[in-house]
Amino acid sequence: MNIMLGFLLAAAVPSALAAVPDPVLEFPLERGVEPGRQWKDKLGLSEEQSRRFTALENERAARLKPLRELLRSEMVKLQAQVSDNASEREVEETLEQVLQIHRAIAESTEHFDAGFAAFLSPSQRARLLVWKSLGGLNGYAARRLETAALRDEEYERD
C-alpha cells in the first residue's frame, strides 16, 4: 500500500509543481546593472518611488551593517566557546547577545518594511517580498537563474 502511495505522489507532484509560476523567471535581476534602476524596472517604480526606495534601502544598509558585523563576531565567539567547552554561563551570555542582535535586526526590518508600505503599491510590495524571500540578486534566485541560463545554452547547442 505504501509503495503504491509513493508512486502516486511521485507522479502527481511534478505536474502540480509545473502549474506554479517560477518567481525567479518572473522577476530576474541582471548582474552588473545599477540595483536602483533594476528595482525601478522590475517593480514599475515612478521616479519619486525610485528616489524614496533608493534612499530607504541606503538607510537600511547603513543601519544593518554594524548589527550584521556584531552578529558575525558574536557567532565566531559562540563557535569558539562551543569548540572550547566554555562554561554554561559564558555560552549563555554570548547566546543572549546573539538573540538580542537578531531581535534588533528583526525590529529594523519591520521598520523599513513599514517605510516601503508608505509608497509602494501592494503588487510592488509583493514583488519585492518574493525577491527578498528568495535571497535577491545574490541568493537562491540568482543561483537558479544562472543554472537555468547554462541549461538553456546547452539546450540551444544540441
Protein backbone atom coordinates (compact mmCIF):
# COMPACT_ATOMS: atom_id res chain seq x y z
CA MET A 1 0.00 0.00 0.00
CA ASN A 2 2.81 2.45 0.92
CA ILE A 3 4.64 1.68 -2.32
CA MET A 4 1.53 2.48 -4.36
CA LEU A 5 1.06 5.75 -2.48
CA GLY A 6 4.69 6.63 -3.21
CA PHE A 7 4.20 6.04 -6.94
CA LEU A 8 1.04 8.17 -6.96
CA LEU A 9 2.82 11.03 -5.17
CA ALA A 10 5.82 10.78 -7.48
CA ALA A 11 3.53 11.12 -10.48
CA ALA A 12 1.35 13.90 -9.05
CA VAL A 13 3.95 16.21 -7.52
CA PRO A 14 5.84 17.18 -10.72
CA SER A 15 2.63 18.04 -12.57
CA ALA A 16 1.38 20.11 -9.61
CA LEU A 17 4.67 21.98 -9.42
CA ALA A 18 4.65 22.65 -13.15
CA ALA A 19 1.50 24.75 -12.73
CA VAL A 20 3.15 27.07 -10.20
CA PRO A 21 4.85 30.07 -11.86
CA ASP A 22 8.56 30.38 -11.17
CA PRO A 23 9.11 33.73 -9.42
CA VAL A 24 12.79 33.57 -10.34
CA LEU A 25 11.97 33.81 -14.01
CA GLU A 26 9.19 36.34 -13.42
CA PHE A 27 11.44 38.88 -11.71
CA PRO A 28 15.03 38.32 -12.85
CA LEU A 29 17.62 40.93 -11.92
CA GLU A 30 20.69 41.41 -14.09
CA ARG A 31 24.21 41.33 -12.73
CA GLY A 32 26.32 44.42 -13.25
CA VAL A 33 23.37 46.78 -13.67
CA GLU A 34 22.69 49.53 -11.14
CA PRO A 35 20.38 47.99 -8.49
CA GLY A 36 18.23 51.14 -8.16
CA ARG A 37 17.44 51.10 -11.87
CA GLN A 38 16.69 47.41 -11.81
CA TRP A 39 14.25 47.79 -8.96
CA LYS A 40 12.65 50.70 -10.81
CA ASP A 41 12.17 48.48 -13.85
CA LYS A 42 11.21 45.27 -12.03
CA LEU A 43 8.78 46.89 -9.58
CA GLY A 44 7.48 49.51 -12.00
CA LEU A 45 8.51 52.40 -9.76
CA SER A 46 7.82 56.02 -10.63
CA GLU A 47 10.70 58.50 -10.38
CA GLU A 48 9.53 59.58 -6.91
CA GLN A 49 9.10 55.96 -5.75
CA SER A 50 12.55 55.12 -7.11
CA ARG A 51 14.12 58.01 -5.22
CA ARG A 52 12.37 57.04 -1.98
CA PHE A 53 13.15 53.35 -2.48
CA THR A 54 16.86 54.01 -3.02
CA ALA A 55 17.04 56.35 -0.02
CA LEU A 56 15.30 53.81 2.22
CA GLU A 57 17.50 50.94 1.01
CA ASN A 58 20.65 53.01 1.63
CA GLU A 59 19.47 53.95 5.12
CA ARG A 60 18.61 50.34 5.87
CA ALA A 61 22.00 49.10 4.69
CA ALA A 62 23.77 51.69 6.83
CA ARG A 63 21.78 50.75 9.94
CA LEU A 64 22.05 47.00 9.45
CA LYS A 65 25.77 46.87 8.62
CA PRO A 66 27.01 47.33 12.20
CA LEU A 67 24.40 44.88 13.50
CA ARG A 68 25.47 42.24 10.99
CA GLU A 69 29.14 42.79 11.79
CA LEU A 70 28.40 42.47 15.50
CA LEU A 71 26.36 39.34 14.85
CA ARG A 72 29.22 37.84 12.83
CA SER A 73 31.74 38.49 15.62
CA GLU A 74 29.40 37.12 18.29
CA MET A 75 28.79 33.98 16.22
CA VAL A 76 32.54 33.46 15.88
CA LYS A 77 32.84 33.90 19.65
CA LEU A 78 29.99 31.45 20.23
CA GLN A 79 31.54 28.89 17.91
CA ALA A 80 34.86 29.18 19.77
CA GLN A 81 33.09 28.78 23.11
CA VAL A 82 31.30 25.65 21.94
CA SER A 83 34.53 24.19 20.50
CA ASP A 84 36.49 25.02 23.65
CA ASN A 85 33.81 23.67 26.00
CA ALA A 86 33.36 27.05 27.70
CA SER A 87 31.25 27.30 30.83
CA GLU A 88 27.49 27.29 30.50
CA ARG A 89 27.41 30.82 31.92
CA GLU A 90 29.78 32.13 29.20
CA VAL A 91 27.83 30.40 26.45
CA GLU A 92 24.54 31.70 27.86
CA GLU A 93 25.83 35.30 27.88
CA THR A 94 27.03 35.11 24.29
CA LEU A 95 23.87 33.33 23.19
CA GLU A 96 21.75 36.06 24.77
CA GLN A 97 23.80 38.70 22.94
CA VAL A 98 23.23 36.87 19.63
CA LEU A 99 19.49 36.71 20.30
CA GLN A 100 19.39 40.44 21.13
CA ILE A 101 21.11 41.23 17.85
CA HIS A 102 18.61 39.02 15.98
CA ARG A 103 15.75 40.92 17.64
CA ALA A 104 17.33 44.28 16.71
CA ILE A 105 17.68 43.18 13.08
CA ALA A 106 14.06 41.98 13.02
CA GLU A 107 12.81 45.27 14.51
CA SER A 108 14.85 47.24 11.99
CA THR A 109 13.48 45.14 9.14
CA GLU A 110 9.91 45.73 10.32
CA HIS A 111 10.61 49.46 10.47
CA PHE A 112 11.90 49.55 6.90
CA ASP A 113 9.13 47.29 5.59
CA ALA A 114 6.64 49.78 7.02
CA GLY A 115 8.57 52.52 5.22
CA PHE A 116 8.14 50.71 1.91
CA ALA A 117 4.43 50.25 2.57
CA ALA A 118 4.09 54.03 2.70
CA PHE A 119 4.83 54.47 -1.00
CA LEU A 120 4.75 51.07 -2.77
CA SER A 121 1.55 49.53 -4.07
CA PRO A 122 0.52 46.08 -2.78
CA SER A 123 1.68 44.40 -6.02
CA GLN A 124 5.03 46.22 -5.85
CA ARG A 125 5.48 45.13 -2.23
CA ALA A 126 4.56 41.56 -3.23
CA ARG A 127 7.24 41.52 -5.96
CA LEU A 128 9.78 42.90 -3.51
CA LEU A 129 8.85 40.28 -0.92
CA VAL A 130 9.19 37.47 -3.46
CA TRP A 131 12.68 38.59 -4.41
CA LYS A 132 13.84 39.15 -0.87
CA SER A 133 12.45 35.79 0.25
CA LEU A 134 14.46 34.11 -2.50
CA GLY A 135 17.65 35.87 -1.48
CA GLY A 136 17.60 38.63 -4.08
CA LEU A 137 20.36 39.17 -6.58
CA ASN A 138 23.00 37.24 -4.61
CA GLY A 139 20.85 34.46 -3.22
CA TYR A 140 18.84 31.45 -4.20
CA ALA A 141 17.09 33.17 -7.10
CA ALA A 142 20.32 34.35 -8.69
CA ARG A 143 21.83 30.87 -8.50
CA ARG A 144 18.71 29.37 -10.07
CA LEU A 145 18.86 31.93 -12.88
CA GLU A 146 22.50 31.12 -13.60
CA THR A 147 21.71 27.40 -13.65
CA ALA A 148 18.73 27.96 -15.94
CA ALA A 149 20.82 30.13 -18.29
CA LEU A 150 23.55 27.49 -18.51
CA ARG A 151 20.95 24.79 -19.14
CA ASP A 152 19.36 26.90 -21.90
CA GLU A 153 22.76 27.47 -23.55
CA GLU A 154 23.46 23.72 -23.55
CA TYR A 155 19.99 23.03 -24.98
CA GLU A 156 20.49 25.55 -27.80
CA ARG A 157 23.84 23.95 -28.73
CA ASP A 158 22.31 20.47 -29.04
